[in-house]
């Protein structure tokens, strides 16, 4: 028998979103700046599993917005370019095996990094 499909990813509840945009603190944060994609992927997975084990409900994952200077001087060769992690992290968060940990995610408010960061809702451990 096959496991039922995971429910769709959910956004933050309006009340939680308001609290965060007004400056409420997240339970934990992870900054992925300067990491390779492989290292960032590993670190993200470990961070999310630890956050779930600690009972966190909302964490902040900082991807950065990408470096426009680097794109202009080096070009988008070899998979590099503006916001590699910014594009990759949402795909990783939606992976089937992380659905046991991640309820959903959305862009962070300006106080927490705006387009360069994501609020991630953590599923309660059973």
N, C-alpha and C. Protein backbone atom coordinates (compact mmCIF):
# COMPACT_ATOMS: atom_id res chain seq x y z
N UNK A 1 0.84 -1.18 0.00
CA UNK A 1 0.00 0.00 0.00
C UNK A 1 0.89 1.25 0.00
N UNK A 2 0.53 2.21 -0.80
CA UNK A 2 1.31 3.43 -0.94
C UNK A 2 0.89 4.46 0.10
N UNK A 3 1.87 5.22 0.58
CA UNK A 3 1.57 6.29 1.54
C UNK A 3 0.75 7.37 0.86
N UNK A 4 -0.17 8.01 1.59
CA UNK A 4 -0.95 9.09 0.98
C UNK A 4 -0.04 10.26 0.62
N UNK A 5 -0.41 11.00 -0.42
CA UNK A 5 0.43 12.14 -0.80
C UNK A 5 0.47 13.19 0.30
N UNK A 6 1.59 13.88 0.37
CA UNK A 6 1.74 14.93 1.38
C UNK A 6 0.78 16.08 1.07
N UNK A 7 0.26 16.74 2.10
CA UNK A 7 -0.62 17.88 1.86
C UNK A 7 0.15 19.01 1.19
N UNK A 8 -0.55 19.93 0.53
CA UNK A 8 0.16 21.03 -0.12
C UNK A 8 0.88 21.88 0.91
N UNK A 9 1.96 22.52 0.47
CA UNK A 9 2.70 23.42 1.35
C UNK A 9 1.79 24.59 1.73
N UNK A 10 1.90 25.02 2.97
CA UNK A 10 1.03 26.09 3.47
C UNK A 10 1.83 27.35 3.75
N UNK A 11 1.17 28.48 3.66
CA UNK A 11 1.79 29.75 4.02
C UNK A 11 1.60 29.98 5.52
N UNK A 12 2.18 31.04 6.01
CA UNK A 12 2.01 31.39 7.43
C UNK A 12 0.58 31.84 7.68
N UNK A 13 0.12 31.61 8.89
CA UNK A 13 -1.18 32.16 9.27
C UNK A 13 -1.05 33.68 9.32
N UNK A 14 -2.11 34.41 8.96
CA UNK A 14 -2.03 35.87 8.96
C UNK A 14 -1.56 36.47 10.28
N UNK A 15 -2.02 35.91 11.40
CA UNK A 15 -1.62 36.44 12.72
C UNK A 15 -0.11 36.27 12.93
N UNK A 16 0.43 35.11 12.58
CA UNK A 16 1.86 34.85 12.72
C UNK A 16 2.66 35.77 11.80
N UNK A 17 2.19 35.91 10.58
CA UNK A 17 2.86 36.79 9.60
C UNK A 17 2.92 38.22 10.12
N UNK A 18 1.81 38.73 10.66
CA UNK A 18 1.77 40.09 11.21
C UNK A 18 2.78 40.25 12.34
N UNK A 19 2.80 39.28 13.25
CA UNK A 19 3.74 39.34 14.38
C UNK A 19 5.18 39.41 13.90
N UNK A 20 5.51 38.58 12.92
CA UNK A 20 6.89 38.55 12.42
C UNK A 20 7.25 39.83 11.69
N UNK A 21 6.35 40.35 10.87
CA UNK A 21 6.67 41.58 10.14
C UNK A 21 6.75 42.78 11.07
N UNK A 22 6.14 42.68 12.24
CA UNK A 22 6.23 43.77 13.23
C UNK A 22 7.44 43.61 14.13
N UNK A 23 8.26 42.59 13.87
CA UNK A 23 9.51 42.48 14.62
C UNK A 23 9.61 41.34 15.60
N UNK A 24 8.59 40.47 15.69
CA UNK A 24 8.69 39.32 16.58
C UNK A 24 9.85 38.43 16.12
N UNK A 25 10.47 37.77 17.05
CA UNK A 25 11.62 36.94 16.72
C UNK A 25 11.18 35.56 16.24
N UNK A 26 11.98 35.00 15.36
CA UNK A 26 11.78 33.63 14.92
C UNK A 26 12.43 32.71 15.95
N UNK A 27 12.10 31.43 15.89
CA UNK A 27 12.65 30.48 16.87
C UNK A 27 14.14 30.21 16.66
N UNK A 28 14.58 30.24 15.40
CA UNK A 28 15.99 30.01 15.08
C UNK A 28 16.25 30.56 13.68
N UNK A 29 17.52 30.75 13.37
CA UNK A 29 17.86 31.24 12.02
C UNK A 29 19.09 30.52 11.50
N UNK A 30 19.14 30.39 10.17
CA UNK A 30 20.25 29.76 9.49
C UNK A 30 20.67 30.66 8.33
N UNK A 31 21.94 31.02 8.29
CA UNK A 31 22.46 31.87 7.22
C UNK A 31 23.29 30.99 6.28
N UNK A 32 22.86 30.91 5.02
CA UNK A 32 23.52 30.06 4.04
C UNK A 32 24.49 30.83 3.14
N UNK A 33 24.71 32.13 3.41
CA UNK A 33 25.63 32.93 2.60
C UNK A 33 26.99 32.25 2.48
N UNK A 34 27.54 32.26 1.28
CA UNK A 34 28.90 31.80 1.07
C UNK A 34 29.08 30.30 0.99
N UNK A 35 28.01 29.52 1.12
CA UNK A 35 28.15 28.07 1.05
C UNK A 35 27.93 27.59 -0.38
N UNK A 36 28.53 26.47 -0.72
CA UNK A 36 28.23 25.84 -2.01
C UNK A 36 26.83 25.27 -1.93
N UNK A 37 26.27 24.92 -3.07
CA UNK A 37 24.93 24.34 -3.06
C UNK A 37 24.89 23.05 -2.25
N UNK A 38 25.89 22.19 -2.42
CA UNK A 38 25.91 20.92 -1.70
C UNK A 38 25.99 21.15 -0.19
N UNK A 39 26.87 22.04 0.24
CA UNK A 39 27.01 22.32 1.68
C UNK A 39 25.75 22.97 2.22
N UNK A 40 25.16 23.89 1.45
CA UNK A 40 23.94 24.56 1.89
C UNK A 40 22.80 23.56 2.03
N UNK A 41 22.69 22.64 1.09
CA UNK A 41 21.62 21.64 1.14
C UNK A 41 21.75 20.76 2.38
N UNK A 42 22.96 20.29 2.65
CA UNK A 42 23.21 19.48 3.86
C UNK A 42 22.89 20.25 5.13
N UNK A 43 23.42 21.48 5.20
CA UNK A 43 23.22 22.29 6.40
C UNK A 43 21.74 22.59 6.62
N UNK A 44 21.01 22.88 5.55
CA UNK A 44 19.57 23.17 5.65
C UNK A 44 18.82 21.97 6.19
N UNK A 45 19.08 20.80 5.67
CA UNK A 45 18.39 19.58 6.13
C UNK A 45 18.64 19.33 7.62
N UNK A 46 19.89 19.42 8.03
CA UNK A 46 20.22 19.20 9.44
C UNK A 46 19.56 20.25 10.34
N UNK A 47 19.60 21.51 9.90
CA UNK A 47 19.00 22.60 10.66
C UNK A 47 17.50 22.38 10.85
N UNK A 48 16.81 21.99 9.78
CA UNK A 48 15.37 21.80 9.87
C UNK A 48 15.00 20.62 10.77
N UNK A 49 15.76 19.54 10.68
CA UNK A 49 15.49 18.39 11.54
C UNK A 49 15.74 18.73 13.01
N UNK A 50 16.79 19.49 13.26
CA UNK A 50 17.09 19.91 14.63
C UNK A 50 16.01 20.86 15.14
N UNK A 51 15.56 21.77 14.29
CA UNK A 51 14.50 22.71 14.68
C UNK A 51 13.24 21.95 15.06
N UNK A 52 12.91 20.91 14.31
CA UNK A 52 11.74 20.10 14.63
C UNK A 52 11.93 19.38 15.96
N UNK A 53 13.11 18.81 16.17
CA UNK A 53 13.40 18.09 17.42
C UNK A 53 13.32 19.02 18.63
N UNK A 54 13.67 20.30 18.44
CA UNK A 54 13.63 21.28 19.53
C UNK A 54 12.24 21.89 19.72
N UNK A 55 11.29 21.53 18.86
CA UNK A 55 9.94 22.04 19.00
C UNK A 55 9.71 23.43 18.43
N UNK A 56 10.59 23.89 17.56
CA UNK A 56 10.42 25.21 16.93
C UNK A 56 9.23 25.19 15.98
N UNK A 57 8.59 26.35 15.82
CA UNK A 57 7.45 26.41 14.90
C UNK A 57 7.75 27.24 13.65
N UNK A 58 8.53 28.31 13.78
CA UNK A 58 8.91 29.14 12.62
C UNK A 58 10.39 29.47 12.72
N UNK A 59 11.11 29.17 11.64
CA UNK A 59 12.54 29.49 11.58
C UNK A 59 12.79 30.37 10.35
N UNK A 60 13.93 31.03 10.37
CA UNK A 60 14.33 31.91 9.27
C UNK A 60 15.52 31.29 8.56
N UNK A 61 15.41 31.17 7.24
CA UNK A 61 16.52 30.67 6.43
C UNK A 61 16.95 31.80 5.51
N UNK A 62 18.19 32.25 5.68
CA UNK A 62 18.72 33.38 4.92
C UNK A 62 19.50 32.83 3.73
N UNK A 63 19.02 33.16 2.53
CA UNK A 63 19.66 32.68 1.30
C UNK A 63 20.51 33.76 0.66
N UNK A 64 20.21 35.01 0.93
CA UNK A 64 20.83 36.11 0.23
C UNK A 64 20.06 36.39 -1.05
N UNK A 65 20.29 37.54 -1.62
CA UNK A 65 19.57 37.93 -2.83
C UNK A 65 20.38 37.66 -4.08
N UNK A 66 21.62 37.26 -3.91
CA UNK A 66 22.51 37.10 -5.06
C UNK A 66 23.36 38.34 -5.18
N UNK A 67 24.47 38.22 -5.86
CA UNK A 67 25.41 39.33 -5.99
C UNK A 67 25.39 39.86 -7.42
N UNK A 68 24.73 41.02 -7.65
CA UNK A 68 24.66 41.54 -9.02
C UNK A 68 26.03 41.88 -9.60
N UNK A 69 26.99 42.27 -8.76
CA UNK A 69 28.34 42.58 -9.24
C UNK A 69 29.01 41.33 -9.80
N UNK A 70 28.85 40.23 -9.10
CA UNK A 70 29.46 38.97 -9.54
C UNK A 70 28.87 38.52 -10.86
N UNK A 71 27.58 38.65 -11.00
CA UNK A 71 26.93 38.25 -12.24
C UNK A 71 27.45 39.08 -13.40
N UNK A 72 27.63 40.37 -13.19
CA UNK A 72 28.09 41.25 -14.25
C UNK A 72 29.54 40.97 -14.61
N UNK A 73 30.39 40.66 -13.62
CA UNK A 73 31.81 40.47 -13.91
C UNK A 73 32.15 39.06 -14.36
N UNK A 74 31.41 38.06 -13.87
CA UNK A 74 31.75 36.67 -14.19
C UNK A 74 30.73 36.01 -15.11
N UNK A 75 29.53 36.52 -15.17
CA UNK A 75 28.49 35.88 -15.98
C UNK A 75 27.93 34.66 -15.29
N UNK A 76 26.85 34.12 -15.80
CA UNK A 76 26.18 32.99 -15.16
C UNK A 76 26.75 31.63 -15.56
N UNK A 77 28.06 31.52 -15.68
CA UNK A 77 28.67 30.26 -16.09
C UNK A 77 28.61 29.21 -14.98
N UNK A 78 28.62 27.97 -15.35
CA UNK A 78 28.69 26.83 -14.44
C UNK A 78 27.61 26.83 -13.38
N UNK A 79 26.40 27.25 -13.72
CA UNK A 79 25.29 27.21 -12.78
C UNK A 79 25.32 28.32 -11.76
N UNK A 80 26.32 29.19 -11.85
CA UNK A 80 26.37 30.31 -10.93
C UNK A 80 25.54 31.44 -11.51
N UNK A 81 25.28 32.42 -10.75
CA UNK A 81 24.51 33.55 -11.22
C UNK A 81 23.79 34.17 -10.05
N UNK A 82 22.95 35.09 -10.36
CA UNK A 82 22.26 35.83 -9.32
C UNK A 82 21.32 34.92 -8.54
N UNK A 83 21.58 34.78 -7.27
CA UNK A 83 20.68 34.08 -6.37
C UNK A 83 20.55 32.58 -6.57
N UNK A 84 21.66 31.87 -6.70
CA UNK A 84 21.60 30.42 -6.86
C UNK A 84 20.86 29.79 -5.68
N UNK A 85 21.25 30.14 -4.46
CA UNK A 85 20.60 29.57 -3.28
C UNK A 85 19.17 30.09 -3.14
N UNK A 86 18.95 31.33 -3.54
CA UNK A 86 17.60 31.89 -3.48
C UNK A 86 16.64 31.06 -4.33
N UNK A 87 17.13 30.56 -5.45
CA UNK A 87 16.30 29.72 -6.32
C UNK A 87 16.23 28.28 -5.83
N UNK A 88 17.33 27.77 -5.29
CA UNK A 88 17.41 26.36 -4.93
C UNK A 88 16.69 26.01 -3.62
N UNK A 89 16.79 26.87 -2.62
CA UNK A 89 16.22 26.55 -1.30
C UNK A 89 14.73 26.25 -1.36
N UNK A 90 13.90 27.03 -2.05
CA UNK A 90 12.47 26.66 -2.13
C UNK A 90 12.25 25.28 -2.74
N UNK A 91 13.06 24.91 -3.72
CA UNK A 91 12.94 23.57 -4.32
C UNK A 91 13.29 22.50 -3.29
N UNK A 92 14.34 22.75 -2.51
CA UNK A 92 14.73 21.78 -1.48
C UNK A 92 13.66 21.66 -0.41
N UNK A 93 13.08 22.79 -0.01
CA UNK A 93 12.04 22.76 1.03
C UNK A 93 10.81 21.99 0.60
N UNK A 94 10.58 21.92 -0.71
CA UNK A 94 9.40 21.22 -1.23
C UNK A 94 9.68 19.75 -1.54
N UNK A 95 10.91 19.27 -1.30
CA UNK A 95 11.23 17.87 -1.57
C UNK A 95 10.37 16.95 -0.71
N UNK A 96 9.93 15.83 -1.28
CA UNK A 96 9.03 14.91 -0.56
C UNK A 96 9.55 14.47 0.81
N UNK A 97 10.85 14.18 0.93
CA UNK A 97 11.35 13.69 2.22
C UNK A 97 11.41 14.77 3.29
N UNK A 98 11.40 16.04 2.91
CA UNK A 98 11.38 17.11 3.92
C UNK A 98 9.96 17.48 4.33
N UNK A 99 8.96 16.93 3.67
CA UNK A 99 7.58 17.26 4.00
C UNK A 99 7.19 16.79 5.41
N UNK A 100 7.93 15.84 5.96
CA UNK A 100 7.69 15.42 7.33
C UNK A 100 8.16 16.47 8.32
N UNK A 101 8.94 17.43 7.84
CA UNK A 101 9.49 18.48 8.69
C UNK A 101 8.89 19.85 8.36
N UNK A 102 8.72 20.14 7.07
CA UNK A 102 8.30 21.47 6.61
C UNK A 102 6.80 21.51 6.32
N UNK A 103 6.10 22.43 6.99
CA UNK A 103 4.68 22.65 6.71
C UNK A 103 4.55 23.55 5.49
N UNK A 104 5.38 24.58 5.43
CA UNK A 104 5.35 25.52 4.32
C UNK A 104 6.38 26.61 4.53
N UNK A 105 6.44 27.54 3.57
CA UNK A 105 7.41 28.63 3.66
C UNK A 105 6.94 29.78 2.80
N UNK A 106 7.50 30.96 3.09
CA UNK A 106 7.24 32.14 2.28
C UNK A 106 8.33 33.17 2.52
N UNK A 107 8.39 34.17 1.65
CA UNK A 107 9.41 35.21 1.79
C UNK A 107 9.29 35.91 3.13
N UNK A 108 10.43 36.28 3.67
CA UNK A 108 10.46 36.96 4.97
C UNK A 108 10.08 38.43 4.81
N UNK A 109 9.69 39.03 5.92
CA UNK A 109 9.43 40.46 5.94
C UNK A 109 10.74 41.23 5.85
N UNK A 110 10.64 42.50 5.55
CA UNK A 110 11.83 43.33 5.36
C UNK A 110 12.76 43.30 6.57
N UNK A 111 12.20 43.30 7.78
CA UNK A 111 13.03 43.29 9.00
C UNK A 111 13.89 42.04 9.12
N UNK A 112 13.46 40.96 8.49
CA UNK A 112 14.18 39.69 8.57
C UNK A 112 14.93 39.35 7.29
N UNK A 113 15.06 40.29 6.36
CA UNK A 113 15.84 40.03 5.15
C UNK A 113 15.07 40.09 3.85
N UNK A 114 13.76 40.25 3.93
CA UNK A 114 12.95 40.40 2.72
C UNK A 114 13.14 39.27 1.73
N UNK A 115 13.41 39.64 0.48
CA UNK A 115 13.54 38.66 -0.60
C UNK A 115 14.74 37.73 -0.42
N UNK A 116 15.65 38.07 0.45
CA UNK A 116 16.84 37.25 0.66
C UNK A 116 16.70 36.25 1.79
N UNK A 117 15.47 36.05 2.27
CA UNK A 117 15.26 35.12 3.39
C UNK A 117 13.86 34.52 3.31
N UNK A 118 13.69 33.39 3.97
CA UNK A 118 12.39 32.71 4.00
C UNK A 118 12.00 32.36 5.42
N UNK A 119 10.72 32.56 5.73
CA UNK A 119 10.16 32.01 6.96
C UNK A 119 9.77 30.57 6.62
N UNK A 120 10.15 29.63 7.47
CA UNK A 120 9.81 28.23 7.25
C UNK A 120 9.02 27.73 8.44
N UNK A 121 7.82 27.23 8.19
CA UNK A 121 6.99 26.63 9.25
C UNK A 121 7.42 25.19 9.44
N UNK A 122 7.63 24.83 10.69
CA UNK A 122 8.10 23.49 11.05
C UNK A 122 6.93 22.66 11.57
N UNK A 123 6.82 21.43 11.06
CA UNK A 123 5.77 20.52 11.49
C UNK A 123 6.10 19.98 12.89
N UNK A 124 5.10 19.89 13.73
CA UNK A 124 5.30 19.33 15.07
C UNK A 124 5.66 17.85 14.96
N UNK A 125 6.58 17.44 15.81
CA UNK A 125 6.99 16.05 15.81
C UNK A 125 5.96 15.21 16.54
N UNK A 126 5.67 14.06 16.01
CA UNK A 126 4.66 13.19 16.64
C UNK A 126 5.30 12.15 17.51
